[in-house]
Amino acid sequence: MLCDICGKSEATVHLTEIINDKVSNLHLCEECAREKGQEMEEHFGLSDLLAGLADFGTTVEPEATLEALKCNSCGFSYLDFKKIGRLGCGDCYDSFKNKIAPLLKRIHGADKHVGKVPLMVGKTVKDTKDLHDLKMKLDKTIQLEEFEEAARLRDKIRELEKKDKKGNDKGNK
């Protein structure tokens, strides 16, 4: 297949653009793809988007200040991050924490990685933690000689263990 732009070279890059719900496919040679990439970067670059978000709602600092803020491990500056939209290494997160924490919170809704747990696994983990917490409370109530509360906790623990055993039996059949 020949390049859609020059029509001379073999197309090795295939792009799909979606603009206003209209899908168009482009088949490009490496040279035309490089030019197209530069053209797209000029119109809308990820680094520009991140830089805009990084400055959103903050006071504008001089470039010299941002250049002086550097990662101790790789020497990457915060200004470099703003220009290319990427960090130099994992330690950059610690070095630029005060600057990128608000940005991460705006993009992801949190400034700490919480990950995802599959629904069934998450329920099992929660049940195990609840059971452990109840057993710890039971030990404390026995030490404090609060026997009525201890009996209630014991019954709750038995109920959870019975429920867990039924769930495991169904899973094994």
N, C-alpha and C. Protein backbone atom coordinates (compact mmCIF):
# COMPACT_ATOMS: atom_id res chain seq x y z
N MET A 1 0.85 -1.17 0.00
CA MET A 1 0.00 0.00 0.00
C MET A 1 0.90 1.23 0.00
N LEU A 2 0.58 2.18 -0.85
CA LEU A 2 1.37 3.41 -0.96
C LEU A 2 0.86 4.48 0.01
N CYS A 3 1.75 5.41 0.30
CA CYS A 3 1.45 6.52 1.21
C CYS A 3 0.32 7.37 0.62
N ASP A 4 -0.67 7.74 1.47
CA ASP A 4 -1.79 8.57 1.04
C ASP A 4 -1.38 10.00 0.71
N ILE A 5 -0.26 10.47 1.26
CA ILE A 5 0.14 11.86 1.03
C ILE A 5 1.04 11.98 -0.19
N CYS A 6 2.15 11.25 -0.20
CA CYS A 6 3.10 11.40 -1.32
C CYS A 6 2.80 10.43 -2.47
N GLY A 7 2.18 9.32 -2.17
CA GLY A 7 1.84 8.34 -3.20
C GLY A 7 3.04 7.63 -3.81
N LYS A 8 4.21 7.78 -3.22
CA LYS A 8 5.43 7.19 -3.78
C LYS A 8 5.98 6.04 -2.94
N SER A 9 6.10 6.28 -1.65
CA SER A 9 6.73 5.30 -0.76
C SER A 9 5.69 4.35 -0.15
N GLU A 10 6.19 3.22 0.36
CA GLU A 10 5.35 2.22 1.01
C GLU A 10 4.83 2.79 2.34
N ALA A 11 3.54 2.64 2.60
CA ALA A 11 2.94 3.11 3.85
C ALA A 11 3.29 2.14 4.98
N THR A 12 3.94 2.67 6.00
CA THR A 12 4.31 1.84 7.16
C THR A 12 3.65 2.32 8.44
N VAL A 13 3.03 3.51 8.40
CA VAL A 13 2.35 4.08 9.55
C VAL A 13 0.88 4.25 9.18
N HIS A 14 0.01 3.77 10.06
CA HIS A 14 -1.42 3.83 9.79
C HIS A 14 -2.09 4.59 10.94
N LEU A 15 -2.69 5.73 10.61
CA LEU A 15 -3.34 6.58 11.61
C LEU A 15 -4.84 6.56 11.41
N THR A 16 -5.54 6.62 12.52
CA THR A 16 -7.00 6.78 12.48
C THR A 16 -7.32 8.07 13.20
N GLU A 17 -7.95 9.00 12.51
CA GLU A 17 -8.35 10.28 13.11
C GLU A 17 -9.86 10.27 13.28
N ILE A 18 -10.31 10.75 14.42
CA ILE A 18 -11.75 10.89 14.66
C ILE A 18 -11.98 12.36 14.98
N ILE A 19 -12.67 13.04 14.06
CA ILE A 19 -12.96 14.45 14.22
C ILE A 19 -14.46 14.63 14.03
N ASN A 20 -15.11 15.17 15.07
CA ASN A 20 -16.57 15.36 15.05
C ASN A 20 -17.31 14.10 14.63
N ASP A 21 -16.96 12.99 15.25
CA ASP A 21 -17.58 11.68 14.99
C ASP A 21 -17.36 11.16 13.57
N LYS A 22 -16.44 11.77 12.82
CA LYS A 22 -16.12 11.30 11.48
C LYS A 22 -14.76 10.60 11.54
N VAL A 23 -14.72 9.35 11.11
CA VAL A 23 -13.49 8.55 11.16
C VAL A 23 -12.80 8.60 9.81
N SER A 24 -11.49 8.90 9.85
CA SER A 24 -10.73 8.85 8.60
C SER A 24 -9.41 8.11 8.88
N ASN A 25 -9.01 7.29 7.94
CA ASN A 25 -7.78 6.51 8.07
C ASN A 25 -6.73 7.09 7.13
N LEU A 26 -5.51 7.20 7.64
CA LEU A 26 -4.39 7.67 6.85
C LEU A 26 -3.31 6.59 6.85
N HIS A 27 -2.79 6.32 5.67
CA HIS A 27 -1.70 5.36 5.52
C HIS A 27 -0.50 6.15 5.01
N LEU A 28 0.55 6.22 5.84
CA LEU A 28 1.66 7.11 5.55
C LEU A 28 3.00 6.39 5.51
N CYS A 29 3.91 6.95 4.72
CA CYS A 29 5.29 6.48 4.77
C CYS A 29 5.95 7.14 5.98
N GLU A 30 7.15 6.70 6.32
CA GLU A 30 7.80 7.23 7.52
C GLU A 30 8.05 8.73 7.44
N GLU A 31 8.47 9.22 6.28
CA GLU A 31 8.78 10.64 6.13
C GLU A 31 7.52 11.50 6.28
N CYS A 32 6.45 11.11 5.61
CA CYS A 32 5.19 11.87 5.71
C CYS A 32 4.61 11.77 7.12
N ALA A 33 4.77 10.62 7.77
CA ALA A 33 4.29 10.45 9.14
C ALA A 33 5.04 11.38 10.09
N ARG A 34 6.35 11.53 9.87
CA ARG A 34 7.16 12.42 10.70
C ARG A 34 6.66 13.85 10.53
N GLU A 35 6.41 14.26 9.28
CA GLU A 35 5.91 15.61 9.03
C GLU A 35 4.52 15.81 9.63
N LYS A 36 3.68 14.81 9.47
CA LYS A 36 2.32 14.88 10.02
C LYS A 36 2.37 14.96 11.54
N GLY A 37 3.28 14.21 12.15
CA GLY A 37 3.44 14.24 13.60
C GLY A 37 3.87 15.61 14.10
N GLN A 38 4.79 16.24 13.38
CA GLN A 38 5.22 17.58 13.76
C GLN A 38 4.08 18.57 13.60
N GLU A 39 3.31 18.42 12.54
CA GLU A 39 2.16 19.29 12.29
C GLU A 39 1.13 19.13 13.41
N MET A 40 0.86 17.88 13.80
CA MET A 40 -0.11 17.63 14.87
C MET A 40 0.40 18.17 16.20
N GLU A 41 1.71 18.04 16.45
CA GLU A 41 2.31 18.54 17.69
C GLU A 41 2.16 20.06 17.77
N GLU A 42 2.27 20.75 16.61
CA GLU A 42 2.13 22.20 16.60
C GLU A 42 0.71 22.61 16.96
N HIS A 43 -0.29 21.85 16.50
CA HIS A 43 -1.68 22.19 16.75
C HIS A 43 -2.12 21.78 18.15
N PHE A 44 -1.74 20.59 18.57
CA PHE A 44 -2.21 20.09 19.85
C PHE A 44 -1.23 19.05 20.36
N GLY A 45 -0.37 19.48 21.24
CA GLY A 45 0.62 18.55 21.79
C GLY A 45 0.28 18.17 23.21
N LEU A 46 0.60 16.95 23.59
CA LEU A 46 0.38 16.49 24.94
C LEU A 46 1.15 17.35 25.94
N SER A 47 2.35 17.73 25.56
CA SER A 47 3.15 18.55 26.48
C SER A 47 2.48 19.90 26.72
N ASP A 48 1.85 20.47 25.67
CA ASP A 48 1.15 21.74 25.84
C ASP A 48 -0.05 21.57 26.77
N LEU A 49 -0.75 20.46 26.61
CA LEU A 49 -1.90 20.19 27.46
C LEU A 49 -1.46 20.07 28.92
N LEU A 50 -0.42 19.27 29.17
CA LEU A 50 0.08 19.10 30.54
C LEU A 50 0.61 20.40 31.11
N ALA A 51 1.32 21.16 30.29
CA ALA A 51 1.86 22.44 30.75
C ALA A 51 0.73 23.38 31.13
N GLY A 52 -0.30 23.40 30.33
CA GLY A 52 -1.46 24.24 30.63
C GLY A 52 -2.14 23.81 31.92
N LEU A 53 -2.29 22.50 32.09
CA LEU A 53 -2.89 22.01 33.32
C LEU A 53 -1.99 22.25 34.52
N ALA A 54 -0.69 22.14 34.33
CA ALA A 54 0.26 22.34 35.43
C ALA A 54 0.19 23.77 35.95
N ASP A 55 -0.07 24.73 35.06
CA ASP A 55 -0.12 26.13 35.46
C ASP A 55 -1.51 26.57 35.88
N PHE A 56 -2.51 25.75 35.63
CA PHE A 56 -3.90 26.13 35.89
C PHE A 56 -4.11 26.42 37.37
N GLY A 57 -4.55 27.63 37.69
CA GLY A 57 -4.88 27.98 39.06
C GLY A 57 -3.67 28.27 39.95
N THR A 58 -2.49 28.38 39.39
CA THR A 58 -1.31 28.68 40.20
C THR A 58 -0.71 30.00 39.75
N THR A 59 0.15 30.54 40.59
CA THR A 59 0.84 31.76 40.20
C THR A 59 1.93 31.40 39.21
N VAL A 60 2.16 32.29 38.25
CA VAL A 60 3.15 32.03 37.22
C VAL A 60 4.53 32.33 37.80
N GLU A 61 5.42 31.35 37.67
CA GLU A 61 6.78 31.51 38.18
C GLU A 61 7.73 31.74 37.01
N PRO A 62 8.80 32.48 37.24
CA PRO A 62 9.78 32.72 36.17
C PRO A 62 10.41 31.40 35.73
N GLU A 63 10.78 31.32 34.45
CA GLU A 63 11.39 30.10 33.92
C GLU A 63 12.67 29.74 34.65
N ALA A 64 13.42 30.72 35.12
CA ALA A 64 14.66 30.45 35.84
C ALA A 64 14.38 29.67 37.13
N THR A 65 13.28 29.98 37.79
CA THR A 65 12.91 29.27 39.01
C THR A 65 12.55 27.83 38.69
N LEU A 66 11.80 27.63 37.61
CA LEU A 66 11.39 26.29 37.21
C LEU A 66 12.58 25.48 36.72
N GLU A 67 13.54 26.14 36.07
CA GLU A 67 14.74 25.45 35.59
C GLU A 67 15.62 25.04 36.77
N ALA A 68 15.62 25.83 37.84
CA ALA A 68 16.44 25.53 39.02
C ALA A 68 15.88 24.35 39.81
N LEU A 69 14.59 24.09 39.67
CA LEU A 69 13.96 22.96 40.36
C LEU A 69 14.29 21.69 39.59
N LYS A 70 15.25 20.90 40.11
CA LYS A 70 15.77 19.74 39.38
C LYS A 70 15.64 18.47 40.21
N CYS A 71 15.55 17.34 39.52
CA CYS A 71 15.56 16.02 40.15
C CYS A 71 17.00 15.70 40.56
N ASN A 72 17.18 15.25 41.78
CA ASN A 72 18.53 14.91 42.27
C ASN A 72 19.09 13.67 41.57
N SER A 73 18.22 12.78 41.09
CA SER A 73 18.70 11.54 40.47
C SER A 73 19.11 11.71 39.02
N CYS A 74 18.23 12.33 38.22
CA CYS A 74 18.50 12.38 36.77
C CYS A 74 18.84 13.77 36.25
N GLY A 75 18.66 14.80 37.08
CA GLY A 75 18.99 16.16 36.65
C GLY A 75 17.90 16.82 35.81
N PHE A 76 16.79 16.14 35.63
CA PHE A 76 15.67 16.65 34.86
C PHE A 76 15.07 17.84 35.62
N SER A 77 14.72 18.92 34.92
CA SER A 77 14.13 20.08 35.59
C SER A 77 12.61 20.07 35.41
N TYR A 78 11.96 20.83 36.25
CA TYR A 78 10.50 20.96 36.13
C TYR A 78 10.14 21.64 34.81
N LEU A 79 10.99 22.52 34.37
CA LEU A 79 10.77 23.19 33.08
C LEU A 79 10.81 22.16 31.94
N ASP A 80 11.73 21.18 32.04
CA ASP A 80 11.79 20.10 31.05
C ASP A 80 10.45 19.35 31.02
N PHE A 81 9.92 19.06 32.20
CA PHE A 81 8.62 18.37 32.29
C PHE A 81 7.53 19.19 31.59
N LYS A 82 7.53 20.49 31.86
CA LYS A 82 6.52 21.34 31.23
C LYS A 82 6.66 21.37 29.71
N LYS A 83 7.91 21.28 29.22
CA LYS A 83 8.13 21.35 27.78
C LYS A 83 7.73 20.07 27.06
N ILE A 84 8.10 18.91 27.63
CA ILE A 84 7.85 17.66 26.90
C ILE A 84 6.73 16.80 27.48
N GLY A 85 6.25 17.15 28.67
CA GLY A 85 5.11 16.42 29.24
C GLY A 85 5.46 15.07 29.82
N ARG A 86 6.74 14.81 30.07
CA ARG A 86 7.18 13.54 30.67
C ARG A 86 8.20 13.84 31.75
N LEU A 87 8.28 12.93 32.72
CA LEU A 87 9.30 13.05 33.76
C LEU A 87 10.50 12.21 33.35
N GLY A 88 11.67 12.53 33.94
CA GLY A 88 12.90 11.84 33.56
C GLY A 88 13.07 10.48 34.21
N CYS A 89 12.60 10.33 35.46
CA CYS A 89 12.75 9.06 36.17
C CYS A 89 11.71 8.98 37.28
N GLY A 90 11.68 7.87 37.98
CA GLY A 90 10.72 7.70 39.07
C GLY A 90 10.94 8.66 40.22
N ASP A 91 12.18 9.07 40.44
CA ASP A 91 12.48 10.00 41.54
C ASP A 91 11.98 11.41 41.25
N CYS A 92 11.68 11.71 39.99
CA CYS A 92 11.14 13.03 39.63
C CYS A 92 9.81 13.27 40.36
N TYR A 93 9.04 12.21 40.59
CA TYR A 93 7.77 12.37 41.29
C TYR A 93 8.00 12.95 42.69
N ASP A 94 9.07 12.49 43.36
CA ASP A 94 9.38 13.03 44.69
C ASP A 94 9.96 14.43 44.59
N SER A 95 10.83 14.65 43.62
CA SER A 95 11.47 15.96 43.47
C SER A 95 10.48 17.06 43.14
N PHE A 96 9.48 16.75 42.33
CA PHE A 96 8.51 17.76 41.89
C PHE A 96 7.15 17.58 42.57
N LYS A 97 7.13 16.86 43.68
CA LYS A 97 5.87 16.51 44.35
C LYS A 97 4.95 17.70 44.57
N ASN A 98 5.49 18.79 45.08
CA ASN A 98 4.66 19.97 45.36
C ASN A 98 4.04 20.56 44.10
N LYS A 99 4.72 20.40 42.98
CA LYS A 99 4.23 20.96 41.72
C LYS A 99 3.25 20.02 41.02
N ILE A 100 3.54 18.71 41.03
CA ILE A 100 2.72 17.80 40.22
C ILE A 100 1.56 17.17 40.99
N ALA A 101 1.57 17.22 42.33
CA ALA A 101 0.47 16.64 43.10
C ALA A 101 -0.88 17.28 42.72
N PRO A 102 -0.97 18.61 42.65
CA PRO A 102 -2.25 19.22 42.24
C PRO A 102 -2.64 18.82 40.80
N LEU A 103 -1.65 18.71 39.93
CA LEU A 103 -1.90 18.32 38.55
C LEU A 103 -2.47 16.89 38.50
N LEU A 104 -1.84 15.97 39.21
CA LEU A 104 -2.32 14.59 39.25
C LEU A 104 -3.72 14.51 39.83
N LYS A 105 -3.98 15.33 40.84
CA LYS A 105 -5.31 15.32 41.46
C LYS A 105 -6.37 15.81 40.47
N ARG A 106 -6.02 16.83 39.67
CA ARG A 106 -6.97 17.32 38.67
C ARG A 106 -7.22 16.29 37.57
N ILE A 107 -6.17 15.59 37.14
CA ILE A 107 -6.30 14.64 36.04
C ILE A 107 -6.96 13.33 36.49
N HIS A 108 -6.48 12.79 37.62
CA HIS A 108 -6.92 11.46 38.06
C HIS A 108 -7.96 11.47 39.17
N GLY A 109 -8.18 12.62 39.79
CA GLY A 109 -9.11 12.67 40.89
C GLY A 109 -8.46 12.36 42.23
N ALA A 110 -7.20 11.98 42.23
CA ALA A 110 -6.46 11.70 43.46
C ALA A 110 -4.98 11.94 43.18
N ASP A 111 -4.24 12.24 44.24
CA ASP A 111 -2.81 12.45 44.03
C ASP A 111 -1.98 11.25 44.47
N LYS A 112 -2.66 10.16 44.82
CA LYS A 112 -1.99 8.91 45.16
C LYS A 112 -2.56 7.80 44.29
N HIS A 113 -1.71 6.87 43.89
CA HIS A 113 -2.17 5.74 43.09
C HIS A 113 -2.91 4.76 44.00
N VAL A 114 -4.16 4.49 43.67
CA VAL A 114 -4.93 3.56 44.49
C VAL A 114 -5.14 2.23 43.80
N GLY A 115 -4.94 2.19 42.50
CA GLY A 115 -5.07 0.94 41.77
C GLY A 115 -6.50 0.46 41.71
N LYS A 116 -6.66 -0.70 41.14
CA LYS A 116 -7.98 -1.31 41.03
C LYS A 116 -7.89 -2.74 41.50
N VAL A 117 -8.96 -3.20 42.12
CA VAL A 117 -9.05 -4.58 42.56
C VAL A 117 -10.30 -5.16 41.91
N PRO A 118 -10.20 -6.32 41.28
CA PRO A 118 -11.40 -6.92 40.70
C PRO A 118 -12.49 -7.05 41.75
N LEU A 119 -13.74 -6.90 41.35
CA LEU A 119 -14.86 -6.84 42.26
C LEU A 119 -14.89 -8.02 43.23
N MET A 120 -14.79 -9.24 42.72
CA MET A 120 -14.86 -10.41 43.60
C MET A 120 -13.66 -10.49 44.54
N VAL A 121 -12.49 -10.18 44.04
CA VAL A 121 -11.29 -10.21 44.88
C VAL A 121 -11.39 -9.13 45.93
N GLY A 122 -11.88 -7.94 45.54
CA GLY A 122 -12.03 -6.84 46.48
C GLY A 122 -12.96 -7.19 47.62
N LYS A 123 -14.04 -7.89 47.33
CA LYS A 123 -14.98 -8.31 48.36
C LYS A 123 -14.31 -9.29 49.31
N THR A 124 -13.54 -10.24 48.78
CA THR A 124 -12.84 -11.21 49.61
C THR A 124 -11.83 -10.52 50.51
N VAL A 125 -11.08 -9.57 49.95
CA VAL A 125 -10.08 -8.84 50.73
C VAL A 125 -10.77 -8.05 51.84
N LYS A 126 -11.88 -7.39 51.51
CA LYS A 126 -12.61 -6.60 52.50
C LYS A 126 -13.14 -7.51 53.60
N ASP A 127 -13.72 -8.64 53.24
CA ASP A 127 -14.25 -9.58 54.24
C ASP A 127 -13.14 -10.08 55.16
N THR A 128 -11.99 -10.39 54.59
CA THR A 128 -10.86 -10.88 55.39
C THR A 128 -10.40 -9.79 56.36
N LYS A 129 -10.34 -8.55 55.88
CA LYS A 129 -9.91 -7.45 56.76
C LYS A 129 -10.95 -7.23 57.85
N ASP A 130 -12.24 -7.26 57.50
CA ASP A 130 -13.29 -7.09 58.50
C ASP A 130 -13.20 -8.17 59.58
N LEU A 131 -12.98 -9.41 59.15
CA LEU A 131 -12.86 -10.52 60.09
C LEU A 131 -11.67 -10.31 61.02
N HIS A 132 -10.55 -9.91 60.46
CA HIS A 132 -9.35 -9.64 61.26
C HIS A 132 -9.62 -8.53 62.27
N ASP A 133 -10.26 -7.44 61.83
CA ASP A 133 -10.57 -6.32 62.72
C ASP A 133 -11.49 -6.77 63.86
N LEU A 134 -12.49 -7.58 63.54
CA LEU A 134 -13.40 -8.07 64.57
C LEU A 134 -12.67 -8.93 65.60
N LYS A 135 -11.75 -9.76 65.15
CA LYS A 135 -10.99 -10.61 66.08
C LYS A 135 -10.12 -9.75 66.99
N MET A 136 -9.55 -8.68 66.45
CA MET A 136 -8.74 -7.77 67.27
C MET A 136 -9.62 -7.09 68.33
N LYS A 137 -10.82 -6.65 67.92
CA LYS A 137 -11.75 -6.03 68.87
C LYS A 137 -12.17 -7.03 69.94
N LEU A 138 -12.40 -8.27 69.53
CA LEU A 138 -12.78 -9.31 70.48
C LEU A 138 -11.70 -9.49 71.55
N ASP A 139 -10.45 -9.55 71.13
CA ASP A 139 -9.35 -9.69 72.08
C ASP A 139 -9.32 -8.53 73.08
N LYS A 140 -9.54 -7.31 72.58
CA LYS A 140 -9.53 -6.14 73.46
C LYS A 140 -10.68 -6.19 74.46
N THR A 141 -11.88 -6.54 73.97
CA THR A 141 -13.03 -6.58 74.87
C THR A 141 -12.87 -7.66 75.94
N ILE A 142 -12.25 -8.77 75.61
CA ILE A 142 -11.99 -9.82 76.61
C ILE A 142 -11.00 -9.31 77.65
N GLN A 143 -9.96 -8.62 77.20
CA GLN A 143 -8.97 -8.06 78.14
C GLN A 143 -9.62 -7.04 79.07
N LEU A 144 -10.59 -6.27 78.53
CA LEU A 144 -11.28 -5.26 79.34
C LEU A 144 -12.44 -5.86 80.13
N GLU A 145 -12.63 -7.18 79.99
CA GLU A 145 -13.69 -7.93 80.67
C GLU A 145 -15.08 -7.39 80.34
N GLU A 146 -15.26 -6.99 79.08
CA GLU A 146 -16.58 -6.57 78.58
C GLU A 146 -17.18 -7.78 77.87
N PHE A 147 -17.71 -8.70 78.66
CA PHE A 147 -18.09 -10.00 78.14
C PHE A 147 -19.34 -9.98 77.24
N GLU A 148 -20.26 -9.08 77.51
CA GLU A 148 -21.45 -8.99 76.65
C GLU A 148 -21.06 -8.55 75.24
N GLU A 149 -20.21 -7.54 75.18
CA GLU A 149 -19.71 -7.07 73.87
C GLU A 149 -18.88 -8.16 73.20
N ALA A 150 -18.09 -8.88 73.98
CA ALA A 150 -17.26 -9.97 73.46
C ALA A 150 -18.14 -11.06 72.85
N ALA A 151 -19.24 -11.38 73.52
CA ALA A 151 -20.15 -12.41 73.00
C ALA A 151 -20.79 -11.96 71.68
N ARG A 152 -21.14 -10.69 71.61
CA ARG A 152 -21.73 -10.15 70.36
C ARG A 152 -20.71 -10.22 69.23
N LEU A 153 -19.47 -9.83 69.51
CA LEU A 153 -18.41 -9.90 68.50
C LEU A 153 -18.13 -11.34 68.09
N ARG A 154 -18.09 -12.26 69.05
CA ARG A 154 -17.87 -13.68 68.77
C ARG A 154 -18.94 -14.19 67.79
N ASP A 155 -20.20 -13.84 68.05
CA ASP A 155 -21.30 -14.28 67.18
C ASP A 155 -21.16 -13.71 65.77
N LYS A 156 -20.75 -12.46 65.71
CA LYS A 156 -20.57 -11.81 64.40
C LYS A 156 -19.43 -12.49 63.63
N ILE A 157 -18.34 -12.83 64.34
CA ILE A 157 -17.21 -13.52 63.72
C ILE A 157 -17.65 -14.87 63.19
N ARG A 158 -18.40 -15.62 63.98
CA ARG A 158 -18.89 -16.94 63.55
C ARG A 158 -19.76 -16.82 62.30
N GLU A 159 -20.60 -15.80 62.30
CA GLU A 159 -21.49 -15.56 61.16
C GLU A 159 -20.68 -15.29 59.89
N LEU A 160 -19.66 -14.42 59.99
CA LEU A 160 -18.80 -14.12 58.83
C LEU A 160 -18.03 -15.36 58.38
N GLU A 161 -17.51 -16.13 59.33
CA GLU A 161 -16.75 -17.34 58.97
C GLU A 161 -17.64 -18.36 58.29
N LYS A 162 -18.89 -18.49 58.77
CA LYS A 162 -19.85 -19.43 58.15
C LYS A 162 -20.17 -18.98 56.73
N LYS A 163 -20.39 -17.68 56.56
CA LYS A 163 -20.68 -17.10 55.25
C LYS A 163 -19.50 -17.32 54.29
N ASP A 164 -18.28 -17.12 54.81
CA ASP A 164 -17.07 -17.31 54.01
C ASP A 164 -16.92 -18.77 53.61
N LYS A 165 -17.21 -19.69 54.52
CA LYS A 165 -17.10 -21.12 54.23
C LYS A 165 -18.11 -21.52 53.14
N LYS A 166 -19.33 -21.00 53.22
CA LYS A 166 -20.34 -21.29 52.19
C LYS A 166 -19.88 -20.77 50.83
N GLY A 167 -19.30 -19.57 50.82
CA GLY A 167 -18.81 -18.99 49.56
C GLY A 167 -17.69 -19.83 48.97
N ASN A 168 -16.78 -20.32 49.81
CA ASN A 168 -15.68 -21.16 49.32
C ASN A 168 -16.18 -22.50 48.83
N ASP A 169 -17.18 -23.05 49.51
CA ASP A 169 -17.74 -24.35 49.07
C ASP A 169 -18.40 -24.20 47.69
N LYS A 170 -19.09 -23.11 47.45
CA LYS A 170 -19.72 -22.88 46.13
C LYS A 170 -18.67 -22.72 45.06
N GLY A 171 -17.58 -22.02 45.38
CA GLY A 171 -16.51 -21.81 44.42
C GLY A 171 -15.78 -23.08 44.06
N ASN A 172 -15.74 -24.07 44.95
CA ASN A 172 -15.00 -25.30 44.71
C ASN A 172 -15.82 -26.35 43.96
N LYS A 173 -17.12 -26.16 43.86
CA LYS A 173 -17.97 -27.16 43.19
C LYS A 173 -18.05 -26.94 41.72
